[in-house]
Protein backbone atom coordinates (compact mmCIF):
# COMPACT_ATOMS: atom_id res chain seq x y z
CA UNK A 1 -0.41 -0.16 0.06
CA UNK A 2 1.41 3.19 -1.13
CA UNK A 3 1.77 6.05 1.86
CA UNK A 4 0.92 9.26 -0.16
CA UNK A 5 1.24 12.90 0.79
CA UNK A 6 -1.48 15.26 -1.29
CA UNK A 7 -0.12 18.73 -2.65
CA UNK A 8 -2.29 21.02 -1.64
CA UNK A 9 -5.25 22.77 0.94
CA UNK A 10 -7.62 23.86 -0.80
CA UNK A 11 -11.61 23.13 -1.80
CA UNK A 12 -9.73 20.82 -4.43
CA UNK A 13 -7.18 18.68 -2.51
CA UNK A 14 -10.52 18.33 0.18
CA UNK A 15 -12.50 16.43 -2.84
CA UNK A 16 -9.43 14.27 -3.89
CA UNK A 17 -8.99 13.50 -0.25
CA UNK A 18 -12.38 12.50 0.27
CA UNK A 19 -11.93 10.41 -3.25
CA UNK A 20 -8.57 8.42 -1.95
CA UNK A 21 -10.24 7.88 1.91
CA UNK A 22 -13.45 6.40 0.06
CA UNK A 23 -12.46 4.81 -2.98
CA UNK A 24 -8.60 4.05 -3.19
CA UNK A 25 -6.38 2.10 -1.15
CA UNK A 26 -3.44 4.39 -0.58
CA UNK A 27 -2.85 5.23 2.60
CA UNK A 28 -2.85 9.31 3.04
CA UNK A 29 -0.40 10.31 5.10
CA UNK A 30 -0.05 14.08 4.92
CA UNK A 31 -0.95 17.52 2.61
CA UNK A 32 1.95 19.36 1.90
CA UNK A 33 2.09 22.95 0.40
CA UNK A 34 3.97 26.49 -0.61
CA UNK A 35 5.45 27.64 3.07
CA UNK A 36 3.53 30.70 2.24
CA UNK A 37 0.52 29.09 1.84
CA UNK A 38 -0.06 27.05 5.00
CA UNK A 39 -3.26 28.35 7.01
CA UNK A 40 -2.46 25.75 9.58
CA UNK A 41 -0.52 22.80 10.83
CA UNK A 42 -3.56 19.94 10.07
CA UNK A 43 -6.13 19.77 7.65
CA UNK A 44 -8.74 16.60 7.99
CA UNK A 45 -6.76 15.82 10.87
CA UNK A 46 -3.39 15.07 8.68
CA UNK A 47 -0.02 17.53 8.48
CA UNK A 48 0.91 19.64 6.74
CA UNK A 49 4.03 20.53 6.00
CA UNK A 50 5.67 23.08 3.89
CA UNK A 51 6.48 21.85 -0.12
CA UNK A 52 10.08 23.16 0.55
CA UNK A 53 11.25 20.90 3.52
CA UNK A 54 8.89 17.87 2.09
CA UNK A 55 11.95 15.32 2.23
CA UNK A 56 12.57 16.17 6.09
CA UNK A 57 9.77 14.62 6.72
CA UNK A 58 8.70 12.51 3.90
CA UNK A 59 11.63 11.49 1.57
CA UNK A 60 11.00 10.19 -1.80
CA UNK A 61 11.79 6.85 -1.27
CA UNK A 62 9.11 6.02 1.22
CA UNK A 63 6.03 7.96 0.35
CA UNK A 64 4.50 9.21 -2.88
CA UNK A 65 3.27 12.18 -3.90
CA UNK A 66 -0.31 13.48 -5.62
CA UNK A 67 -0.43 16.59 -7.05
CA UNK A 68 -4.01 17.43 -8.39
CA UNK A 69 -3.10 21.06 -9.05
CA UNK A 70 -6.04 22.91 -11.43
CA UNK A 71 -5.49 24.62 -15.09
CA UNK A 72 -3.84 27.39 -13.43
CA UNK A 73 -1.59 29.25 -16.10
CA UNK A 74 -2.62 26.24 -18.90
CA UNK A 75 -1.77 23.70 -16.64
CA UNK A 76 1.83 25.38 -16.16
CA UNK A 77 1.84 25.91 -12.66
CA UNK A 78 0.94 21.86 -11.88
CA UNK A 79 3.22 20.65 -14.96
CA UNK A 80 5.92 22.86 -12.02
CA UNK A 81 5.25 21.05 -9.46
CA UNK A 82 5.67 17.83 -11.07
CA UNK A 83 8.68 18.41 -12.29
CA UNK A 84 10.18 19.63 -9.52
CA UNK A 85 9.06 16.72 -7.13
CA UNK A 86 10.16 14.33 -9.86
CA UNK A 87 13.65 16.07 -10.41
CA UNK A 88 13.93 15.84 -6.12
CA UNK A 89 13.32 12.13 -6.45
CA UNK A 90 9.22 11.40 -5.97
CA UNK A 91 7.04 9.82 -7.51
CA UNK A 92 3.42 9.49 -7.74
CA UNK A 93 0.30 8.00 -7.18
CA UNK A 94 -2.49 8.08 -10.24
CA UNK A 95 -6.48 7.67 -9.49
CA UNK A 96 -8.69 6.34 -11.47
CA UNK A 97 -12.79 6.20 -9.84
CA UNK A 98 -14.04 2.70 -9.51
CA UNK A 99 -17.05 4.56 -10.91
CA UNK A 100 -15.65 5.10 -14.01
CA UNK A 101 -15.73 2.92 -17.15
CA UNK A 102 -12.38 2.00 -19.18
CA UNK A 103 -11.24 -0.90 -21.08
CA UNK A 104 -7.35 -1.49 -22.10
CA UNK A 105 -6.20 2.20 -21.50
CA UNK A 106 -3.00 3.52 -20.52
CA UNK A 107 -2.64 5.91 -18.19
CA UNK A 108 0.77 8.10 -16.79
CA UNK A 109 1.53 8.82 -13.57
CA UNK A 110 -0.35 11.85 -10.96
CA UNK A 111 -3.38 11.67 -13.12
CA UNK A 112 -6.52 12.10 -12.51
CA UNK A 113 -9.83 10.26 -13.45
CA UNK A 114 -13.40 10.86 -11.54
CA UNK A 115 -16.28 8.93 -11.86
CA UNK A 116 -18.47 8.52 -14.67
CA UNK A 117 -16.26 8.79 -17.21
CA UNK A 118 -16.44 6.49 -20.21
CA UNK A 119 -12.64 5.78 -22.02
CA UNK A 120 -13.29 3.04 -25.07
CA UNK A 121 -10.62 1.02 -25.85
CA UNK A 122 -6.63 1.87 -26.82
CA UNK A 123 -6.76 5.43 -25.31
CA UNK A 124 -3.83 7.05 -24.31
CA UNK A 125 -3.44 9.19 -21.37
CA UNK A 126 -0.36 11.02 -20.67
CA UNK A 127 1.37 12.06 -17.23
CA UNK A 128 -0.11 14.73 -15.04
CA UNK A 129 -3.87 14.60 -16.55
CA UNK A 130 -7.55 15.41 -15.09
CA UNK A 131 -10.43 14.22 -16.55
CA UNK A 132 -13.25 16.02 -14.39
CA UNK A 133 -16.95 13.50 -14.20
CA UNK A 134 -19.27 12.45 -16.69
CA UNK A 135 -16.43 12.84 -19.59
CA UNK A 136 -16.94 10.29 -23.48
CA UNK A 137 -13.44 9.77 -24.70
CA UNK A 138 -13.41 7.99 -27.69
CA UNK A 139 -11.69 4.70 -28.95
CA UNK A 140 -7.81 5.06 -29.97
CA UNK A 141 -7.75 9.05 -28.64
CA UNK A 142 -4.61 10.47 -27.13
CA UNK A 143 -4.36 13.17 -24.73
CA UNK A 144 -0.64 14.27 -24.45
CA UNK A 145 0.57 15.57 -20.67
CA UNK A 146 -0.55 18.53 -18.74
CA UNK A 147 -3.72 18.66 -20.14
CA UNK A 148 -6.84 19.05 -18.14
CA UNK A 149 -10.20 18.23 -19.00
CA UNK A 150 -13.31 19.18 -17.88
CA UNK A 151 -16.81 17.54 -17.02
CA UNK A 152 -19.40 15.97 -20.00
CA UNK A 153 -16.64 16.80 -22.73
CA UNK A 154 -17.36 14.10 -25.46
CA UNK A 155 -14.30 12.73 -27.96
CA UNK A 156 -15.17 10.92 -30.84
CA UNK A 157 -12.69 8.24 -31.93
CA UNK A 158 -9.15 9.17 -32.58
CA UNK A 159 -8.58 12.24 -31.32
CA UNK A 160 -4.86 13.92 -30.76
CA UNK A 161 -4.91 16.84 -27.77
CA UNK A 162 -2.15 18.64 -27.48
CA UNK A 163 -0.07 19.45 -24.03
CA UNK A 164 -1.27 21.84 -22.21
CA UNK A 165 -4.41 22.28 -23.00
CA UNK A 166 -7.79 23.02 -21.13
CA UNK A 167 -11.26 21.59 -23.09
CA UNK A 168 -14.34 23.00 -20.28
CA UNK A 169 -17.53 21.91 -20.05
CA UNK A 170 -19.69 20.64 -22.43
CA UNK A 171 -17.23 20.54 -25.16
CA UNK A 172 -17.68 18.09 -28.00
CA UNK A 173 -14.83 17.17 -30.72
CA UNK A 174 -15.31 15.40 -34.19
CA UNK A 175 -13.40 12.14 -33.84
CA UNK A 176 -9.81 12.36 -35.86
CA UNK A 177 -9.59 15.69 -34.93
CA UNK A 178 -6.08 17.28 -33.62
CA UNK A 179 -6.21 19.77 -31.15
CA UNK A 180 -2.92 21.72 -31.03
CA UNK A 181 -0.48 22.24 -27.82
CA UNK A 182 -1.92 24.71 -24.99
CA UNK A 183 -5.73 25.47 -26.55
CA UNK A 184 -8.39 27.06 -24.40
CA UNK A 185 -11.42 25.06 -25.82
CA UNK A 186 -14.26 26.81 -24.26
CA UNK A 187 -17.43 25.55 -22.69
CA UNK A 188 -19.88 24.55 -25.16
CA UNK A 189 -17.41 24.53 -27.29
CA UNK A 190 -18.05 22.04 -31.19
CA UNK A 191 -14.62 21.13 -32.91
CA UNK A 192 -15.25 20.19 -36.12
CA UNK A 193 -11.47 21.02 -37.64
CA UNK A 194 -7.95 20.65 -36.60
CA UNK A 195 -6.57 23.44 -34.43
CA UNK A 196 -3.42 25.26 -34.09
CA UNK A 197 -1.23 25.81 -31.15
CA UNK A 198 -2.52 28.50 -28.86
CA UNK A 199 -5.93 28.58 -30.44
CA UNK A 200 -8.89 29.62 -28.39
CA UNK A 201 -12.43 28.72 -28.93
CA UNK A 202 -15.53 29.84 -26.90
CA UNK A 203 -18.95 30.18 -28.19
CA UNK A 204 -19.89 32.75 -25.58
CA UNK A 205 -22.75 32.94 -23.34
CA UNK A 206 -26.25 32.77 -24.09
CA UNK A 207 -28.13 36.70 -24.64
CA UNK A 208 -30.00 37.51 -21.73
CA UNK A 209 -33.66 37.48 -22.56
CA UNK A 210 -34.98 41.37 -22.87
CA UNK A 211 -38.14 40.26 -21.06
CA UNK A 212 -38.04 39.79 -17.70
CA UNK A 213 -39.54 36.52 -16.04
CA UNK A 214 -42.65 37.65 -14.57
CA UNK A 215 -43.87 38.51 -18.36
CA UNK A 216 -42.90 34.58 -19.34
CA UNK A 217 -45.83 32.31 -18.96
CA UNK A 218 -44.38 28.71 -18.07
């Protein structure tokens, strides 16, 4: 049973703690954050230690890390922490919900895949990726390193997502599409052609109706 230290002390870290506590065999040992972000000495009855001094308390020969940071700076913050910890000798766990549906897939380290995800055969997911709940990832798709896929995204088969990309809720990617590196695909987007690196897509917000709700009969 791997002994695990979770990076973070935010709402997201709290959510990850719940998943690992109730749906994994990992032994949760502590939390770690940058020293400037320590708010208390404990979090969920586990110690919080300065990331800069992590080896002093939890050496990489005995403990593994999980760094479930969000998509800040197009996943660059999570990648920076991941590479820093890797260079310091730490290994990582990945968590796939027991309520995800997947078959014959390859998943890298420090990945998070939440419940109700459907991942078809021959899918490859790189290192340091986050897939929120309810996604449908079509067969033979490739999600490269450091990507964040929000909830209820749909991929057709053979989609390739470039590293450091973010795909928002309810986006739809047609089959055999290549998404460039560092893309932002906004919520509700429909992508039918290949995208360039650093492209941004957003269908925009639904406009407000000009009649107030008290004058509409439903």
